[in-house]
Amino acid sequence: MTHDHSINWSDKVKSLDKTIRDEIGIEGENEAKHILIKVQTKAADPIEPAFIVGEDELFLDLFVLSPQGPGITSTTVLKDNIQSIGVIGGVSAEKVDSSDVVETPLIDELDALYQ
């Protein structure tokens, strides 16, 4: 039995994105800055749409886009729990306006935890 944490998901997603772009005829130097993915874990619901922001031997760090509007939630997935990752699409660097992206905290009142 092989362990999923030996897979470099960042490289695999970039390779999948390039293959898809080649197959549908999107060419050029314009590599996607953020590749939107769907992560299927051993839990019932997939994590989507998301993009990879970091990775180490055990964990995959993701930003998950909010379905309710502009917003991002940061999450980390244990690589051993990943069953599959699929590429949804890519967002090129010039189409992203960072002022439109708002980080959504998981807990609204963090200050309340420290009182």
C-alpha atoms as a PDB file:
ATOM      1  CA  MET A   1       0.000   0.000   0.000  1.00  0.00           C
ATOM      2  CA  THR A   2       1.429   3.351  -1.012  1.00  0.00           C
ATOM      3  CA  HIS A   3       0.995   6.517   0.991  1.00  0.00           C
ATOM      4  CA  ASP A   4      -0.578   9.563  -0.709  1.00  0.00           C
ATOM      5  CA  HIS A   5       1.813  11.950   1.022  1.00  0.00           C
ATOM      6  CA  SER A   6       4.555  10.912  -1.431  1.00  0.00           C
ATOM      7  CA  ILE A   7       2.577  12.667  -4.188  1.00  0.00           C
ATOM      8  CA  ASN A   8       3.490  16.279  -4.904  1.00  0.00           C
ATOM      9  CA  TRP A   9      -0.033  17.575  -5.516  1.00  0.00           C
ATOM     10  CA  SER A  10       1.167  21.057  -6.503  1.00  0.00           C
ATOM     11  CA  ASP A  11       3.210  19.635  -9.404  1.00  0.00           C
ATOM     12  CA  LYS A  12       0.464  17.165 -10.349  1.00  0.00           C
ATOM     13  CA  VAL A  13      -2.184  19.924 -10.509  1.00  0.00           C
ATOM     14  CA  LYS A  14       0.094  22.145 -12.645  1.00  0.00           C
ATOM     15  CA  SER A  15       0.685  19.215 -14.990  1.00  0.00           C
ATOM     16  CA  LEU A  16      -3.059  18.446 -15.204  1.00  0.00           C
ATOM     17  CA  ASP A  17      -3.821  22.105 -15.908  1.00  0.00           C
ATOM     18  CA  LYS A  18      -1.210  22.223 -18.683  1.00  0.00           C
ATOM     19  CA  THR A  19      -2.600  19.024 -20.249  1.00  0.00           C
ATOM     20  CA  ILE A  20      -6.159  20.399 -20.165  1.00  0.00           C
ATOM     21  CA  ARG A  21      -5.060  23.745 -21.648  1.00  0.00           C
ATOM     22  CA  ASP A  22      -3.202  21.936 -24.456  1.00  0.00           C
ATOM     23  CA  GLU A  23      -6.193  19.684 -25.206  1.00  0.00           C
ATOM     24  CA  ILE A  24      -8.714  22.541 -25.433  1.00  0.00           C
ATOM     25  CA  GLY A  25      -6.353  24.816 -27.334  1.00  0.00           C
ATOM     26  CA  ILE A  26      -5.458  27.432 -24.726  1.00  0.00           C
ATOM     27  CA  GLU A  27      -1.809  28.058 -25.417  1.00  0.00           C
ATOM     28  CA  GLY A  28       0.886  30.574 -24.676  1.00  0.00           C
ATOM     29  CA  GLU A  29       3.077  31.680 -21.837  1.00  0.00           C
ATOM     30  CA  ASN A  30      -0.034  32.588 -19.838  1.00  0.00           C
ATOM     31  CA  GLU A  31       0.215  29.928 -17.150  1.00  0.00           C
ATOM     32  CA  ALA A  32      -2.572  30.011 -14.588  1.00  0.00           C
ATOM     33  CA  LYS A  33      -1.536  31.686 -11.354  1.00  0.00           C
ATOM     34  CA  HIS A  34      -4.242  29.944  -9.344  1.00  0.00           C
ATOM     35  CA  ILE A  35      -5.570  26.604 -10.533  1.00  0.00           C
ATOM     36  CA  LEU A  36      -9.005  25.902  -9.097  1.00  0.00           C
ATOM     37  CA  ILE A  37      -9.356  22.341  -7.888  1.00  0.00           C
ATOM     38  CA  LYS A  38     -11.825  19.955  -6.274  1.00  0.00           C
ATOM     39  CA  VAL A  39     -10.344  17.830  -3.480  1.00  0.00           C
ATOM     40  CA  GLN A  40     -12.117  14.587  -2.625  1.00  0.00           C
ATOM     41  CA  THR A  41     -11.135  13.342   0.804  1.00  0.00           C
ATOM     42  CA  LYS A  42     -12.311  10.287   2.716  1.00  0.00           C
ATOM     43  CA  ALA A  43     -15.039  12.540   4.151  1.00  0.00           C
ATOM     44  CA  ALA A  44     -18.332  12.655   2.238  1.00  0.00           C
ATOM     45  CA  ASP A  45     -18.209  16.186   0.834  1.00  0.00           C
ATOM     46  CA  PRO A  46     -15.529  17.403  -1.576  1.00  0.00           C
ATOM     47  CA  ILE A  47     -13.654  20.649  -0.922  1.00  0.00           C
ATOM     48  CA  GLU A  48     -14.296  22.958  -3.880  1.00  0.00           C
ATOM     49  CA  PRO A  49     -13.517  25.330  -5.466  1.00  0.00           C
ATOM     50  CA  ALA A  50     -10.097  25.670  -3.902  1.00  0.00           C
ATOM     51  CA  PHE A  51      -6.506  26.345  -4.840  1.00  0.00           C
ATOM     52  CA  ILE A  52      -3.225  25.141  -3.375  1.00  0.00           C
ATOM     53  CA  VAL A  53      -1.185  27.690  -1.431  1.00  0.00           C
ATOM     54  CA  GLY A  54       1.372  25.388   0.166  1.00  0.00           C
ATOM     55  CA  GLU A  55       2.424  21.813   0.658  1.00  0.00           C
ATOM     56  CA  ASP A  56       4.799  19.734   2.721  1.00  0.00           C
ATOM     57  CA  GLU A  57       5.301  16.007   3.302  1.00  0.00           C
ATOM     58  CA  LEU A  58       2.088  15.570   5.330  1.00  0.00           C
ATOM     59  CA  PHE A  59      -0.253  18.470   4.589  1.00  0.00           C
ATOM     60  CA  LEU A  60      -1.804  20.304   1.644  1.00  0.00           C
ATOM     61  CA  ASP A  61      -2.688  23.947   2.423  1.00  0.00           C
ATOM     62  CA  LEU A  62      -5.673  25.312   0.518  1.00  0.00           C
ATOM     63  CA  PHE A  63      -7.695  28.474   0.097  1.00  0.00           C
ATOM     64  CA  VAL A  64     -11.352  27.545  -0.413  1.00  0.00           C
ATOM     65  CA  LEU A  65     -13.503  30.086  -2.234  1.00  0.00           C
ATOM     66  CA  SER A  66     -16.798  30.972  -0.607  1.00  0.00           C
ATOM     67  CA  PRO A  67     -19.905  29.998  -2.598  1.00  0.00           C
ATOM     68  CA  GLN A  68     -21.796  32.915  -0.982  1.00  0.00           C
ATOM     69  CA  GLY A  69     -19.701  35.638  -2.594  1.00  0.00           C
ATOM     70  CA  PRO A  70     -16.207  37.079  -2.371  1.00  0.00           C
ATOM     71  CA  GLY A  71     -14.360  35.378   0.436  1.00  0.00           C
ATOM     72  CA  ILE A  72     -11.703  32.793   1.108  1.00  0.00           C
ATOM     73  CA  THR A  73     -11.310  30.299   3.930  1.00  0.00           C
ATOM     74  CA  SER A  74      -7.899  28.828   4.661  1.00  0.00           C
ATOM     75  CA  THR A  75      -7.853  25.088   5.345  1.00  0.00           C
ATOM     76  CA  THR A  76      -5.312  22.293   5.612  1.00  0.00           C
ATOM     77  CA  VAL A  77      -5.870  18.704   4.476  1.00  0.00           C
ATOM     78  CA  LEU A  78      -3.886  15.702   5.672  1.00  0.00           C
ATOM     79  CA  LYS A  79      -2.446  14.182   2.488  1.00  0.00           C
ATOM     80  CA  ASP A  80      -3.270  10.637   3.619  1.00  0.00           C
ATOM     81  CA  ASN A  81      -6.965  11.616   3.588  1.00  0.00           C
ATOM     82  CA  ILE A  82      -6.938  12.747  -0.068  1.00  0.00           C
ATOM     83  CA  GLN A  83      -8.625  10.312  -2.440  1.00  0.00           C
ATOM     84  CA  SER A  84      -8.418  12.448  -5.585  1.00  0.00           C
ATOM     85  CA  ILE A  85      -7.902  15.954  -6.882  1.00  0.00           C
ATOM     86  CA  GLY A  86      -9.523  17.283 -10.030  1.00  0.00           C
ATOM     87  CA  VAL A  87      -8.810  20.473 -11.932  1.00  0.00           C
ATOM     88  CA  ILE A  88     -11.828  22.772 -12.307  1.00  0.00           C
ATOM     89  CA  GLY A  89     -10.084  25.640 -14.124  1.00  0.00           C
ATOM     90  CA  GLY A  90      -7.440  28.295 -13.857  1.00  0.00           C
ATOM     91  CA  VAL A  91      -7.332  31.986 -13.082  1.00  0.00           C
ATOM     92  CA  SER A  92      -4.553  33.890 -14.796  1.00  0.00           C
ATOM     93  CA  ALA A  93      -2.561  36.457 -12.877  1.00  0.00           C
ATOM     94  CA  GLU A  94      -3.897  39.514 -14.659  1.00  0.00           C
ATOM     95  CA  LYS A  95      -7.547  38.612 -14.045  1.00  0.00           C
ATOM     96  CA  VAL A  96      -7.179  38.570 -10.254  1.00  0.00           C
ATOM     97  CA  ASP A  97      -7.652  41.831  -8.399  1.00  0.00           C
ATOM     98  CA  SER A  98      -6.469  41.264  -4.847  1.00  0.00           C
ATOM     99  CA  SER A  99      -8.755  44.016  -3.564  1.00  0.00           C
ATOM    100  CA  ASP A 100     -11.724  41.821  -4.582  1.00  0.00           C
ATOM    101  CA  VAL A 101     -10.513  38.934  -2.407  1.00  0.00           C
ATOM    102  CA  VAL A 102     -11.529  39.049   1.233  1.00  0.00           C
ATOM    103  CA  GLU A 103     -10.227  36.519   3.750  1.00  0.00           C
ATOM    104  CA  THR A 104     -13.127  35.173   5.791  1.00  0.00           C
ATOM    105  CA  PRO A 105     -12.181  34.120   9.320  1.00  0.00           C
ATOM    106  CA  LEU A 106     -13.628  30.834  10.550  1.00  0.00           C
ATOM    107  CA  ILE A 107     -14.490  32.424  13.879  1.00  0.00           C
ATOM    108  CA  ASP A 108     -16.005  35.908  13.649  1.00  0.00           C
ATOM    109  CA  GLU A 109     -14.949  37.075  17.094  1.00  0.00           C
ATOM    110  CA  LEU A 110     -11.432  35.838  17.784  1.00  0.00           C
ATOM    111  CA  ASP A 111     -11.114  38.400  20.585  1.00  0.00           C
ATOM    112  CA  ALA A 112     -13.897  36.614  22.467  1.00  0.00           C
ATOM    113  CA  LEU A 113     -11.691  33.546  22.820  1.00  0.00           C
ATOM    114  CA  TYR A 114      -9.127  35.479  24.864  1.00  0.00           C
ATOM    115  CA  GLN A 115     -11.444  37.073  27.433  1.00  0.00           C
END
